[in-house]
PDB file of N, CA and C in Angstrom:
ATOM      1  N   MET A   1     104.539  58.030  89.911  1.00  0.00           N
ATOM      2  CA  MET A   1     104.354  56.765  89.235  1.00  0.00           C
ATOM      3  C   MET A   1     103.123  56.806  88.349  1.00  0.00           C
ATOM      4  N   ALA A   2     102.093  57.500  88.800  1.00  0.00           N
ATOM      5  CA  ALA A   2     100.859  57.563  88.028  1.00  0.00           C
ATOM      6  C   ALA A   2     101.068  58.305  86.712  1.00  0.00           C
ATOM      7  N   ILE A   3     101.863  59.373  86.735  1.00  0.00           N
ATOM      8  CA  ILE A   3     102.122  60.129  85.514  1.00  0.00           C
ATOM      9  C   ILE A   3     102.887  59.262  84.520  1.00  0.00           C
ATOM     10  N   GLY A   4     103.897  58.567  84.986  1.00  0.00           N
ATOM     11  CA  GLY A   4     104.669  57.682  84.114  1.00  0.00           C
ATOM     12  C   GLY A   4     103.828  56.553  83.556  1.00  0.00           C
ATOM     13  N   LEU A   5     103.006  55.963  84.391  1.00  0.00           N
ATOM     14  CA  LEU A   5     102.145  54.879  83.946  1.00  0.00           C
ATOM     15  C   LEU A   5     101.103  55.385  82.951  1.00  0.00           C
ATOM     16  N   GLY A   6     100.548  56.555  83.198  1.00  0.00           N
ATOM     17  CA  GLY A   6      99.591  57.151  82.263  1.00  0.00           C
ATOM     18  C   GLY A   6     100.222  57.405  80.910  1.00  0.00           C
ATOM     19  N   TRP A   7     101.436  57.949  80.922  1.00  0.00           N
ATOM     20  CA  TRP A   7     102.146  58.209  79.667  1.00  0.00           C
ATOM     21  C   TRP A   7     102.422  56.908  78.926  1.00  0.00           C
ATOM     22  N   LEU A   8     102.823  55.891  79.654  1.00  0.00           N
ATOM     23  CA  LEU A   8     103.088  54.585  79.056  1.00  0.00           C
ATOM     24  C   LEU A   8     101.821  54.029  78.404  1.00  0.00           C
ATOM     25  N   LEU A   9     100.701  54.145  79.086  1.00  0.00           N
ATOM     26  CA  LEU A   9      99.442  53.618  78.553  1.00  0.00           C
ATOM     27  C   LEU A   9      98.986  54.370  77.306  1.00  0.00           C
ATOM     28  N   ILE A  10      99.240  55.652  77.264  1.00  0.00           N
ATOM     29  CA  ILE A  10      98.812  56.453  76.116  1.00  0.00           C
ATOM     30  C   ILE A  10      99.691  56.184  74.898  1.00  0.00           C
ATOM     31  N   THR A  11     100.969  55.980  75.095  1.00  0.00           N
ATOM     32  CA  THR A  11     101.895  55.871  73.967  1.00  0.00           C
ATOM     33  C   THR A  11     102.124  54.451  73.476  1.00  0.00           C
ATOM     34  N   GLN A  12     101.711  53.423  74.192  1.00  0.00           N
ATOM     35  CA  GLN A  12     101.972  52.041  73.795  1.00  0.00           C
ATOM     36  C   GLN A  12     100.856  51.482  72.924  1.00  0.00           C
ATOM     37  N   LYS A  13     101.175  50.412  72.251  1.00  0.00           N
ATOM     38  CA  LYS A  13     100.177  49.680  71.460  1.00  0.00           C
ATOM     39  C   LYS A  13      99.165  49.068  72.414  1.00  0.00           C
ATOM     40  N   THR A  14      98.107  48.524  71.847  1.00  0.00           N
ATOM     41  CA  THR A  14      97.068  47.893  72.638  1.00  0.00           C
ATOM     42  C   THR A  14      97.653  46.754  73.466  1.00  0.00           C
ATOM     43  N   LEU A  15      97.257  46.690  74.718  1.00  0.00           N
ATOM     44  CA  LEU A  15      97.770  45.669  75.634  1.00  0.00           C
ATOM     45  C   LEU A  15      96.983  44.369  75.496  1.00  0.00           C
ATOM     46  N   MET A  16      97.679  43.265  75.716  1.00  0.00           N
ATOM     47  CA  MET A  16      97.000  41.961  75.739  1.00  0.00           C
ATOM     48  C   MET A  16      96.199  41.868  77.038  1.00  0.00           C
ATOM     49  N   LEU A  17      95.263  40.934  77.077  1.00  0.00           N
ATOM     50  CA  LEU A  17      94.405  40.774  78.251  1.00  0.00           C
ATOM     51  C   LEU A  17      95.222  40.491  79.507  1.00  0.00           C
ATOM     52  N   SER A  18      96.225  39.614  79.400  1.00  0.00           N
ATOM     53  CA  SER A  18      97.038  39.293  80.577  1.00  0.00           C
ATOM     54  C   SER A  18      97.790  40.529  81.079  1.00  0.00           C
ATOM     55  N   GLN A  19      98.243  41.388  80.143  1.00  0.00           N
ATOM     56  CA  GLN A  19      98.923  42.627  80.538  1.00  0.00           C
ATOM     57  C   GLN A  19      97.954  43.583  81.223  1.00  0.00           C
ATOM     58  N   ARG A  20      96.737  43.647  80.709  1.00  0.00           N
ATOM     59  CA  ARG A  20      95.722  44.517  81.332  1.00  0.00           C
ATOM     60  C   ARG A  20      95.395  44.050  82.744  1.00  0.00           C
ATOM     61  N   ILE A  21      95.260  42.754  82.916  1.00  0.00           N
ATOM     62  CA  ILE A  21      94.948  42.209  84.245  1.00  0.00           C
ATOM     63  C   ILE A  21      96.098  42.490  85.205  1.00  0.00           C
ATOM     64  N   ALA A  22      97.337  42.238  84.756  1.00  0.00           N
ATOM     65  CA  ALA A  22      98.508  42.501  85.613  1.00  0.00           C
ATOM     66  C   ALA A  22      98.604  43.978  85.966  1.00  0.00           C
ATOM     67  N   LEU A  23      98.362  44.847  84.992  1.00  0.00           N
ATOM     68  CA  LEU A  23      98.419  46.286  85.242  1.00  0.00           C
ATOM     69  C   LEU A  23      97.304  46.729  86.185  1.00  0.00           C
ATOM     70  N   THR A  24      96.132  46.142  86.051  1.00  0.00           N
ATOM     71  CA  THR A  24      95.022  46.453  86.962  1.00  0.00           C
ATOM     72  C   THR A  24      95.380  46.050  88.391  1.00  0.00           C
ATOM     73  N   LEU A  25      95.978  44.868  88.539  1.00  0.00           N
ATOM     74  CA  LEU A  25      96.397  44.425  89.876  1.00  0.00           C
ATOM     75  C   LEU A  25      97.464  45.351  90.459  1.00  0.00           C
ATOM     76  N   LEU A  26      98.393  45.800  89.617  1.00  0.00           N
ATOM     77  CA  LEU A  26      99.421  46.736  90.082  1.00  0.00           C
ATOM     78  C   LEU A  26      98.797  48.056  90.525  1.00  0.00           C
ATOM     79  N   ILE A  27      97.869  48.589  89.731  1.00  0.00           N
ATOM     80  CA  ILE A  27      97.203  49.853  90.071  1.00  0.00           C
ATOM     81  C   ILE A  27      96.439  49.705  91.386  1.00  0.00           C
ATOM     82  N   LEU A  28      95.722  48.598  91.534  1.00  0.00           N
ATOM     83  CA  LEU A  28      94.956  48.384  92.770  1.00  0.00           C
ATOM     84  C   LEU A  28      95.875  48.207  93.981  1.00  0.00           C
ATOM     85  N   ALA A  29      97.004  47.520  93.796  1.00  0.00           N
ATOM     86  CA  ALA A  29      97.963  47.348  94.903  1.00  0.00           C
ATOM     87  C   ALA A  29      98.568  48.691  95.303  1.00  0.00           C
ATOM     88  N   LEU A  30      98.941  49.507  94.316  1.00  0.00           N
ATOM     89  CA  LEU A  30      99.483  50.835  94.630  1.00  0.00           C
ATOM     90  C   LEU A  30      98.428  51.709  95.299  1.00  0.00           C
ATOM     91  N   PHE A  31      97.187  51.624  94.827  1.00  0.00           N
ATOM     92  CA  PHE A  31      96.092  52.387  95.424  1.00  0.00           C
ATOM     93  C   PHE A  31      95.885  51.978  96.879  1.00  0.00           C
ATOM     94  N   ALA A  32      95.816  50.664  97.130  1.00  0.00           N
ATOM     95  CA  ALA A  32      95.594  50.172  98.497  1.00  0.00           C
ATOM     96  C   ALA A  32      96.750  50.545  99.417  1.00  0.00           C
ATOM     97  N   GLY A  33      97.982  50.399  98.936  1.00  0.00           N
ATOM     98  CA  GLY A  33      99.141  50.752  99.753  1.00  0.00           C
ATOM     99  C   GLY A  33      99.183  52.232 100.097  1.00  0.00           C
ATOM    100  N   THR A  34      98.898  53.060  99.106  1.00  0.00           N
ATOM    101  CA  THR A  34      98.896  54.506  99.341  1.00  0.00           C
ATOM    102  C   THR A  34      97.759  54.899 100.283  1.00  0.00           C
ATOM    103  N   LEU A  35      96.599  54.293 100.086  1.00  0.00           N
ATOM    104  CA  LEU A  35      95.461  54.570 100.960  1.00  0.00           C
ATOM    105  C   LEU A  35      95.778  54.185 102.406  1.00  0.00           C
ATOM    106  N   TYR A  36      96.390  53.017 102.598  1.00  0.00           N
ATOM    107  CA  TYR A  36      96.769  52.566 103.937  1.00  0.00           C
ATOM    108  C   TYR A  36      97.781  53.524 104.572  1.00  0.00           C
ATOM    109  N   PHE A  37      98.750  53.970 103.786  1.00  0.00           N
ATOM    110  CA  PHE A  37      99.773  54.903 104.266  1.00  0.00           C
ATOM    111  C   PHE A  37      99.137  56.234 104.697  1.00  0.00           C
ATOM    112  N   ILE A  38      98.246  56.783 103.870  1.00  0.00           N
ATOM    113  CA  ILE A  38      97.605  58.061 104.192  1.00  0.00           C
ATOM    114  C   ILE A  38      96.692  57.918 105.414  1.00  0.00           C
ATOM    115  N   MET A  39      96.013  56.774 105.533  1.00  0.00           N
ATOM    116  CA  MET A  39      95.165  56.558 106.714  1.00  0.00           C
ATOM    117  C   MET A  39      96.011  56.494 107.977  1.00  0.00           C
ATOM    118  N   GLY A  40      97.206  55.903 107.899  1.00  0.00           N
ATOM    119  CA  GLY A  40      98.117  55.878 109.040  1.00  0.00           C
ATOM    120  C   GLY A  40      98.575  57.279 109.415  1.00  0.00           C
ATOM    121  N   LEU A  41      98.895  58.087 108.407  1.00  0.00           N
ATOM    122  CA  LEU A  41      99.263  59.481 108.681  1.00  0.00           C
ATOM    123  C   LEU A  41      98.117  60.235 109.346  1.00  0.00           C
ATOM    124  N   ARG A  42      96.905  59.978 108.885  1.00  0.00           N
ATOM    125  CA  ARG A  42      95.738  60.663 109.453  1.00  0.00           C
ATOM    126  C   ARG A  42      95.531  60.270 110.915  1.00  0.00           C
ATOM    127  N   ARG A  43      95.698  58.968 111.218  1.00  0.00           N
ATOM    128  CA  ARG A  43      95.557  58.520 112.614  1.00  0.00           C
ATOM    129  C   ARG A  43      96.606  59.193 113.505  1.00  0.00           C
ATOM    130  N   GLY A  44      97.856  59.250 113.037  1.00  0.00           N
ATOM    131  CA  GLY A  44      98.910  59.899 113.807  1.00  0.00           C
ATOM    132  C   GLY A  44      98.650  61.379 113.995  1.00  0.00           C
ATOM    133  N   PHE A  45      98.174  62.039 112.939  1.00  0.00           N
ATOM    134  CA  PHE A  45      97.840  63.455 113.017  1.00  0.00           C
ATOM    135  C   PHE A  45      96.748  63.694 114.057  1.00  0.00           C
ATOM    136  N   ARG A  46      95.729  62.831 114.050  1.00  0.00           N
ATOM    137  CA  ARG A  46      94.614  62.980 114.995  1.00  0.00           C
ATOM    138  C   ARG A  46      95.080  62.765 116.445  1.00  0.00           C
ATOM    139  N   LYS A  47      95.916  61.764 116.661  1.00  0.00           N
ATOM    140  CA  LYS A  47      96.422  61.506 118.016  1.00  0.00           C
ATOM    141  C   LYS A  47      97.282  62.671 118.514  1.00  0.00           C
ATOM    142  N   ASN A  48      98.114  63.210 117.642  1.00  0.00           N
ATOM    143  CA  ASN A  48      98.925  64.373 118.022  1.00  0.00           C
ATOM    144  C   ASN A  48      98.036  65.568 118.347  1.00  0.00           C
ATOM    145  N   ARG A  49      96.981  65.752 117.562  1.00  0.00           N
ATOM    146  CA  ARG A  49      96.054  66.867 117.809  1.00  0.00           C
ATOM    147  C   ARG A  49      95.341  66.685 119.153  1.00  0.00           C
ATOM    148  N   GLU A  50      94.907  65.462 119.441  1.00  0.00           N
ATOM    149  CA  GLU A  50      94.255  65.190 120.734  1.00  0.00           C
ATOM    150  C   GLU A  50      95.205  65.511 121.883  1.00  0.00           C
ATOM    151  N   SER A  51      96.451  65.098 121.763  1.00  0.00           N
ATOM    152  CA  SER A  51      97.458  65.361 122.795  1.00  0.00           C
ATOM    153  C   SER A  51      97.668  66.864 122.978  1.00  0.00           C
ATOM    154  N   MET A  52      97.757  67.588 121.877  1.00  0.00           N
ATOM    155  CA  MET A  52      97.960  69.038 121.936  1.00  0.00           C
ATOM    156  C   MET A  52      96.768  69.726 122.613  1.00  0.00           C
ATOM    157  N   ILE A  53      95.553  69.322 122.256  1.00  0.00           N
ATOM    158  CA  ILE A  53      94.355  69.927 122.849  1.00  0.00           C
ATOM    159  C   ILE A  53      94.297  69.638 124.351  1.00  0.00           C
ATOM    160  N   ASN A  54      94.654  68.435 124.764  1.00  0.00           N
ATOM    161  CA  ASN A  54      94.672  68.103 126.200  1.00  0.00           C
ATOM    162  C   ASN A  54      95.654  68.994 126.961  1.00  0.00           C
ATOM    163  N   LYS A  55      96.817  69.225 126.387  1.00  0.00           N
ATOM    164  CA  LYS A  55      97.813  70.093 127.036  1.00  0.00           C
ATOM    165  C   LYS A  55      97.328  71.543 127.088  1.00  0.00           C
ATOM    166  N   GLU A  56      96.697  72.006 126.017  1.00  0.00           N
ATOM    167  CA  GLU A  56      96.176  73.378 125.989  1.00  0.00           C
ATOM    168  C   GLU A  56      95.061  73.553 127.016  1.00  0.00           C
ATOM    169  N   ARG A  57      94.223  72.521 127.168  1.00  0.00           N
ATOM    170  CA  ARG A  57      93.164  72.588 128.192  1.00  0.00           C
ATOM    171  C   ARG A  57      93.773  72.614 129.591  1.00  0.00           C
ATOM    172  N   ALA A  58      94.790  71.782 129.805  1.00  0.00           N
ATOM    173  CA  ALA A  58      95.442  71.724 131.119  1.00  0.00           C
ATOM    174  C   ALA A  58      96.087  73.066 131.461  1.00  0.00           C
ATOM    175  N   LEU A  59      96.574  73.770 130.472  1.00  0.00           N
ATOM    176  CA  LEU A  59      97.186  75.085 130.697  1.00  0.00           C
ATOM    177  C   LEU A  59      96.154  76.212 130.761  1.00  0.00           C
ATOM    178  N   GLY A  60      94.881  75.876 130.529  1.00  0.00           N
ATOM    179  CA  GLY A  60      93.825  76.880 130.612  1.00  0.00           C
ATOM    180  C   GLY A  60      93.780  77.834 129.424  1.00  0.00           C
ATOM    181  N   MET A  61      94.243  77.410 128.292  1.00  0.00           N
ATOM    182  CA  MET A  61      94.292  78.294 127.130  1.00  0.00           C
ATOM    183  C   MET A  61      92.923  78.559 126.519  1.00  0.00           C
ATOM    184  N   TYR A  62      91.910  77.778 126.908  1.00  0.00           N
ATOM    185  CA  TYR A  62      90.556  77.994 126.407  1.00  0.00           C
ATOM    186  C   TYR A  62      89.674  78.702 127.440  1.00  0.00           C
ATOM    187  N   ASP A  63      90.244  79.016 128.610  1.00  0.00           N
ATOM    188  CA  ASP A  63      89.492  79.679 129.677  1.00  0.00           C
ATOM    189  C   ASP A  63      89.600  81.188 129.540  1.00  0.00           C
ATOM    190  N   SER A  64      88.460  81.859 129.605  1.00  0.00           N
ATOM    191  CA  SER A  64      88.460  83.323 129.546  1.00  0.00           C
ATOM    192  C   SER A  64      89.112  83.903 130.787  1.00  0.00           C
ATOM    193  N   GLY A  65      89.959  84.898 130.608  1.00  0.00           N
ATOM    194  CA  GLY A  65      90.595  85.591 131.709  1.00  0.00           C
ATOM    195  C   GLY A  65      91.833  84.909 132.274  1.00  0.00           C
ATOM    196  N   ALA A  66      92.183  83.734 131.811  1.00  0.00           N
ATOM    197  CA  ALA A  66      93.358  83.057 132.349  1.00  0.00           C
ATOM    198  C   ALA A  66      94.647  83.763 131.921  1.00  0.00           C
ATOM    199  N   TYR A  67      94.707  84.206 130.688  1.00  0.00           N
ATOM    200  CA  TYR A  67      95.897  84.889 130.179  1.00  0.00           C
ATOM    201  C   TYR A  67      95.582  86.299 129.702  1.00  0.00           C
ATOM    202  N   LEU A  68      94.420  86.468 129.083  1.00  0.00           N
ATOM    203  CA  LEU A  68      93.977  87.777 128.598  1.00  0.00           C
ATOM    204  C   LEU A  68      92.681  88.135 129.306  1.00  0.00           C
ATOM    205  N   GLU A  69      92.484  89.392 129.543  1.00  0.00           N
ATOM    206  CA  GLU A  69      91.259  89.821 130.219  1.00  0.00           C
ATOM    207  C   GLU A  69      90.049  89.593 129.313  1.00  0.00           C
ATOM    208  N   GLU A  70      89.025  88.952 129.839  1.00  0.00           N
ATOM    209  CA  GLU A  70      87.716  88.747 129.232  1.00  0.00           C
ATOM    210  C   GLU A  70      87.694  87.824 128.009  1.00  0.00           C
ATOM    211  N   ILE A  71      88.801  87.377 127.524  1.00  0.00           N
ATOM    212  CA  ILE A  71      88.787  86.440 126.391  1.00  0.00           C
ATOM    213  C   ILE A  71      89.799  85.319 126.656  1.00  0.00           C
ATOM    214  N   SER A  72      89.604  84.225 125.951  1.00  0.00           N
ATOM    215  CA  SER A  72      90.556  83.119 126.086  1.00  0.00           C
ATOM    216  C   SER A  72      91.732  83.334 125.142  1.00  0.00           C
ATOM    217  N   LEU A  73      92.827  82.695 125.442  1.00  0.00           N
ATOM    218  CA  LEU A  73      94.015  82.806 124.602  1.00  0.00           C
ATOM    219  C   LEU A  73      93.775  82.167 123.231  1.00  0.00           C
ATOM    220  N   LEU A  74      93.070  81.030 123.230  1.00  0.00           N
ATOM    221  CA  LEU A  74      92.742  80.345 121.978  1.00  0.00           C
ATOM    222  C   LEU A  74      91.230  80.283 121.797  1.00  0.00           C
ATOM    223  N   PRO A  75      90.750  80.391 120.574  1.00  0.00           N
ATOM    224  CA  PRO A  75      89.297  80.266 120.355  1.00  0.00           C
ATOM    225  C   PRO A  75      88.819  78.843 120.644  1.00  0.00           C
ATOM    226  N   GLU A  76      87.586  78.714 121.040  1.00  0.00           N
ATOM    227  CA  GLU A  76      87.018  77.415 121.421  1.00  0.00           C
ATOM    228  C   GLU A  76      87.027  76.418 120.265  1.00  0.00           C
ATOM    229  N   GLU A  77      86.862  76.893 119.022  1.00  0.00           N
ATOM    230  CA  GLU A  77      86.837  75.958 117.877  1.00  0.00           C
ATOM    231  C   GLU A  77      88.175  75.242 117.669  1.00  0.00           C
ATOM    232  N   TYR A  78      89.253  75.774 118.227  1.00  0.00           N
ATOM    233  CA  TYR A  78      90.547  75.090 118.135  1.00  0.00           C
ATOM    234  C   TYR A  78      90.568  73.808 118.951  1.00  0.00           C
ATOM    235  N   SER A  79      89.657  73.681 119.905  1.00  0.00           N
ATOM    236  CA  SER A  79      89.624  72.500 120.764  1.00  0.00           C
ATOM    237  C   SER A  79      88.747  71.390 120.193  1.00  0.00           C
ATOM    238  N   GLN A  80      88.202  71.588 118.999  1.00  0.00           N
ATOM    239  CA  GLN A  80      87.326  70.594 118.375  1.00  0.00           C
ATOM    240  C   GLN A  80      88.140  69.611 117.532  1.00  0.00           C
ATOM    241  N   LEU A  81      87.760  68.352 117.582  1.00  0.00           N
ATOM    242  CA  LEU A  81      88.452  67.325 116.816  1.00  0.00           C
ATOM    243  C   LEU A  81      87.711  66.932 115.545  1.00  0.00           C
ATOM    244  N   LYS A  82      86.467  67.357 115.413  1.00  0.00           N
ATOM    245  CA  LYS A  82      85.699  66.910 114.250  1.00  0.00           C
ATOM    246  C   LYS A  82      86.332  67.441 112.965  1.00  0.00           C
ATOM    247  N   GLY A  83      86.442  66.549 111.989  1.00  0.00           N
ATOM    248  CA  GLY A  83      87.051  66.910 110.718  1.00  0.00           C
ATOM    249  C   GLY A  83      86.066  67.611 109.804  1.00  0.00           C
ATOM    250  N   ARG A  84      86.615  68.332 108.876  1.00  0.00           N
ATOM    251  CA  ARG A  84      85.790  68.994 107.876  1.00  0.00           C
ATOM    252  C   ARG A  84      86.030  68.327 106.534  1.00  0.00           C
ATOM    253  N   TRP A  85      85.060  68.457 105.638  1.00  0.00           N
ATOM    254  CA  TRP A  85      85.186  67.872 104.311  1.00  0.00           C
ATOM    255  C   TRP A  85      86.401  68.438 103.573  1.00  0.00           C
ATOM    256  N   SER A  86      86.770  69.657 103.852  1.00  0.00           N
ATOM    257  CA  SER A  86      87.843  70.312 103.109  1.00  0.00           C
ATOM    258  C   SER A  86      89.233  70.090 103.705  1.00  0.00           C
ATOM    259  N   ASP A  87      89.356  69.239 104.736  1.00  0.00           N
ATOM    260  CA  ASP A  87      90.699  69.053 105.290  1.00  0.00           C
ATOM    261  C   ASP A  87      91.586  68.321 104.283  1.00  0.00           C
ATOM    262  N   HIS A  88      92.888  68.398 104.479  1.00  0.00           N
ATOM    263  CA  HIS A  88      93.805  67.892 103.461  1.00  0.00           C
ATOM    264  C   HIS A  88      93.761  66.380 103.298  1.00  0.00           C
ATOM    265  N   PHE A  89      93.349  65.640 104.298  1.00  0.00           N
ATOM    266  CA  PHE A  89      93.268  64.189 104.147  1.00  0.00           C
ATOM    267  C   PHE A  89      92.114  63.799 103.230  1.00  0.00           C
ATOM    268  N   HIS A  90      90.979  64.455 103.358  1.00  0.00           N
ATOM    269  CA  HIS A  90      89.867  64.180 102.446  1.00  0.00           C
ATOM    270  C   HIS A  90      90.254  64.539 101.011  1.00  0.00           C
ATOM    271  N   THR A  91      90.959  65.639 100.848  1.00  0.00           N
ATOM    272  CA  THR A  91      91.414  66.041  99.521  1.00  0.00           C
ATOM    273  C   THR A  91      92.356  64.993  98.930  1.00  0.00           C
ATOM    274  N   LEU A  92      93.255  64.452  99.745  1.00  0.00           N
ATOM    275  CA  LEU A  92      94.157  63.396  99.284  1.00  0.00           C
ATOM    276  C   LEU A  92      93.398  62.130  98.891  1.00  0.00           C
ATOM    277  N   TYR A  93      92.366  61.769  99.658  1.00  0.00           N
ATOM    278  CA  TYR A  93      91.564  60.599  99.317  1.00  0.00           C
ATOM    279  C   TYR A  93      90.885  60.780  97.965  1.00  0.00           C
ATOM    280  N   VAL A  94      90.283  61.934  97.751  1.00  0.00           N
ATOM    281  CA  VAL A  94      89.598  62.208  96.483  1.00  0.00           C
ATOM    282  C   VAL A  94      90.595  62.169  95.329  1.00  0.00           C
ATOM    283  N   TRP A  95      91.748  62.800  95.499  1.00  0.00           N
ATOM    284  CA  TRP A  95      92.770  62.823  94.458  1.00  0.00           C
ATOM    285  C   TRP A  95      93.256  61.409  94.140  1.00  0.00           C
ATOM    286  N   LEU A  96      93.476  60.609  95.160  1.00  0.00           N
ATOM    287  CA  LEU A  96      93.935  59.241  94.977  1.00  0.00           C
ATOM    288  C   LEU A  96      92.908  58.407  94.207  1.00  0.00           C
ATOM    289  N   ILE A  97      91.654  58.561  94.535  1.00  0.00           N
ATOM    290  CA  ILE A  97      90.592  57.832  93.838  1.00  0.00           C
ATOM    291  C   ILE A  97      90.518  58.257  92.371  1.00  0.00           C
ATOM    292  N   LEU A  98      90.605  59.559  92.107  1.00  0.00           N
ATOM    293  CA  LEU A  98      90.555  60.040  90.724  1.00  0.00           C
ATOM    294  C   LEU A  98      91.727  59.519  89.889  1.00  0.00           C
ATOM    295  N   VAL A  99      92.917  59.518  90.460  1.00  0.00           N
ATOM    296  CA  VAL A  99      94.094  59.019  89.738  1.00  0.00           C
ATOM    297  C   VAL A  99      93.948  57.523  89.460  1.00  0.00           C
ATOM    298  N   ALA A 100      93.513  56.754  90.449  1.00  0.00           N
ATOM    299  CA  ALA A 100      93.344  55.308  90.254  1.00  0.00           C
ATOM    300  C   ALA A 100      92.289  55.025  89.189  1.00  0.00           C
ATOM    301  N   LEU A 101      91.172  55.743  89.221  1.00  0.00           N
ATOM    302  CA  LEU A 101      90.127  55.549  88.206  1.00  0.00           C
ATOM    303  C   LEU A 101      90.638  55.904  86.811  1.00  0.00           C
ATOM    304  N   ALA A 102      91.366  57.008  86.702  1.00  0.00           N
ATOM    305  CA  ALA A 102      91.904  57.411  85.397  1.00  0.00           C
ATOM    306  C   ALA A 102      92.852  56.348  84.845  1.00  0.00           C
ATOM    307  N   LEU A 103      93.708  55.804  85.696  1.00  0.00           N
ATOM    308  CA  LEU A 103      94.637  54.770  85.238  1.00  0.00           C
ATOM    309  C   LEU A 103      93.906  53.481  84.848  1.00  0.00           C
ATOM    310  N   LEU A 104      92.886  53.118  85.595  1.00  0.00           N
ATOM    311  CA  LEU A 104      92.115  51.924  85.245  1.00  0.00           C
ATOM    312  C   LEU A 104      91.372  52.115  83.922  1.00  0.00           C
ATOM    313  N   ILE A 105      90.821  53.297  83.730  1.00  0.00           N
ATOM    314  CA  ILE A 105      90.132  53.584  82.460  1.00  0.00           C
ATOM    315  C   ILE A 105      91.117  53.531  81.299  1.00  0.00           C
ATOM    316  N   LEU A 106      92.285  54.140  81.466  1.00  0.00           N
ATOM    317  CA  LEU A 106      93.300  54.086  80.411  1.00  0.00           C
ATOM    318  C   LEU A 106      93.753  52.649  80.133  1.00  0.00           C
ATOM    319  N   THR A 107      93.840  51.837  81.173  1.00  0.00           N
ATOM    320  CA  THR A 107      94.270  50.448  81.007  1.00  0.00           C
ATOM    321  C   THR A 107      93.267  49.656  80.171  1.00  0.00           C
ATOM    322  N   TRP A 108      91.995  49.860  80.420  1.00  0.00           N
ATOM    323  CA  TRP A 108      90.980  49.027  79.773  1.00  0.00           C
ATOM    324  C   TRP A 108      90.404  49.617  78.491  1.00  0.00           C
ATOM    325  N   THR A 109      90.585  50.901  78.243  1.00  0.00           N
ATOM    326  CA  THR A 109      90.053  51.467  76.998  1.00  0.00           C
ATOM    327  C   THR A 109      91.087  51.508  75.900  1.00  0.00           C
ATOM    328  N   SER A 110      92.345  51.371  76.230  1.00  0.00           N
ATOM    329  CA  SER A 110      93.447  51.352  75.263  1.00  0.00           C
ATOM    330  C   SER A 110      93.322  52.449  74.214  1.00  0.00           C
ATOM    331  N   PRO A 111      93.582  53.685  74.598  1.00  0.00           N
ATOM    332  CA  PRO A 111      93.523  54.743  73.586  1.00  0.00           C
ATOM    333  C   PRO A 111      94.574  54.510  72.512  1.00  0.00           C
ATOM    334  N   LYS A 112      94.252  54.929  71.309  1.00  0.00           N
ATOM    335  CA  LYS A 112      95.197  54.758  70.194  1.00  0.00           C
ATOM    336  C   LYS A 112      96.407  55.647  70.424  1.00  0.00           C
ATOM    337  N   PRO A 113      97.610  55.093  70.280  1.00  0.00           N
ATOM    338  CA  PRO A 113      98.799  55.931  70.434  1.00  0.00           C
ATOM    339  C   PRO A 113      98.912  56.938  69.296  1.00  0.00           C
ATOM    340  N   MET A 114      99.612  58.009  69.559  1.00  0.00           N
ATOM    341  CA  MET A 114      99.773  59.074  68.567  1.00  0.00           C
ATOM    342  C   MET A 114     100.457  58.557  67.301  1.00  0.00           C
ATOM    343  N   GLU A 115     101.295  57.543  67.408  1.00  0.00           N
ATOM    344  CA  GLU A 115     102.003  57.007  66.242  1.00  0.00           C
ATOM    345  C   GLU A 115     101.024  56.509  65.191  1.00  0.00           C
ATOM    346  N   ASP A 116      99.899  55.902  65.635  1.00  0.00           N
ATOM    347  CA  ASP A 116      98.914  55.402  64.680  1.00  0.00           C
ATOM    348  C   ASP A 116      98.311  56.529  63.866  1.00  0.00           C
ATOM    349  N   PHE A 117      98.050  57.650  64.519  1.00  0.00           N
ATOM    350  CA  PHE A 117      97.458  58.770  63.818  1.00  0.00           C
ATOM    351  C   PHE A 117      98.463  59.400  62.856  1.00  0.00           C
ATOM    352  N   VAL A 118      99.694  59.505  63.298  1.00  0.00           N
ATOM    353  CA  VAL A 118     100.727  60.118  62.481  1.00  0.00           C
ATOM    354  C   VAL A 118     101.040  59.248  61.273  1.00  0.00           C
ATOM    355  N   SER A 119     101.063  57.938  61.444  1.00  0.00           N
ATOM    356  CA  SER A 119     101.417  57.059  60.345  1.00  0.00           C
ATOM    357  C   SER A 119     100.353  57.035  59.261  1.00  0.00           C
ATOM    358  N   LYS A 120      99.116  57.385  59.575  1.00  0.00           N
ATOM    359  CA  LYS A 120      98.041  57.382  58.601  1.00  0.00           C
ATOM    360  C   LYS A 120      98.102  58.608  57.688  1.00  0.00           C
ATOM    361  N   VAL A 121      98.758  59.624  58.133  1.00  0.00           N
ATOM    362  CA  VAL A 121      98.871  60.837  57.328  1.00  0.00           C
ATOM    363  C   VAL A 121      99.986  60.618  56.309  1.00  0.00           C
ATOM    364  N   LYS A 122      99.641  60.766  55.039  1.00  0.00           N
ATOM    365  CA  LYS A 122     100.633  60.556  53.993  1.00  0.00           C
ATOM    366  C   LYS A 122     101.332  61.875  53.700  1.00  0.00           C
ATOM    367  N   THR A 123     102.625  61.778  53.542  1.00  0.00           N
ATOM    368  CA  THR A 123     103.400  62.962  53.244  1.00  0.00           C
ATOM    369  C   THR A 123     103.860  62.838  51.787  1.00  0.00           C
ATOM    370  N   GLU A 124     103.688  63.891  51.059  1.00  0.00           N
ATOM    371  CA  GLU A 124     104.125  63.902  49.667  1.00  0.00           C
ATOM    372  C   GLU A 124     105.268  64.862  49.521  1.00  0.00           C
ATOM    373  N   GLN A 125     106.183  64.446  48.709  1.00  0.00           N
ATOM    374  CA  GLN A 125     107.337  65.293  48.458  1.00  0.00           C
ATOM    375  C   GLN A 125     106.990  66.217  47.298  1.00  0.00           C
ATOM    376  N   VAL A 126     107.287  67.478  47.461  1.00  0.00           N
ATOM    377  CA  VAL A 126     107.038  68.453  46.422  1.00  0.00           C
ATOM    378  C   VAL A 126     108.277  68.506  45.530  1.00  0.00           C
ATOM    379  N   LYS A 127     108.040  68.318  44.238  1.00  0.00           N
ATOM    380  CA  LYS A 127     109.168  68.353  43.309  1.00  0.00           C
ATOM    381  C   LYS A 127     109.382  69.735  42.756  1.00  0.00           C
TER     382      LYS A 127
END
């Protein structure tokens, strides 16, 4: 939707104020809805991870010597729940913010459509 909306904003004539306000509200509603959806996915992902780690602990997969001699079956860092900046949910948040900002900037700056530039160029017929 963002690509289509961006293309529409670039190729259309200047928008009236009421159109800009309506488009801003639409962009913000889509941003909020998508953000809420991704946050729900993140909560579900975290709960599933917690459940998996509890089962792995119960099976002794982090205990040295339980399955393999002198080492654990799984490394200890697999049992950590703390997120990293580079996880895919943080990347999605950053991407979502950048797309929303780009669309808002396009909405309010009204770039000149290519037709305006093309129409200013005069073409002469060679006889």
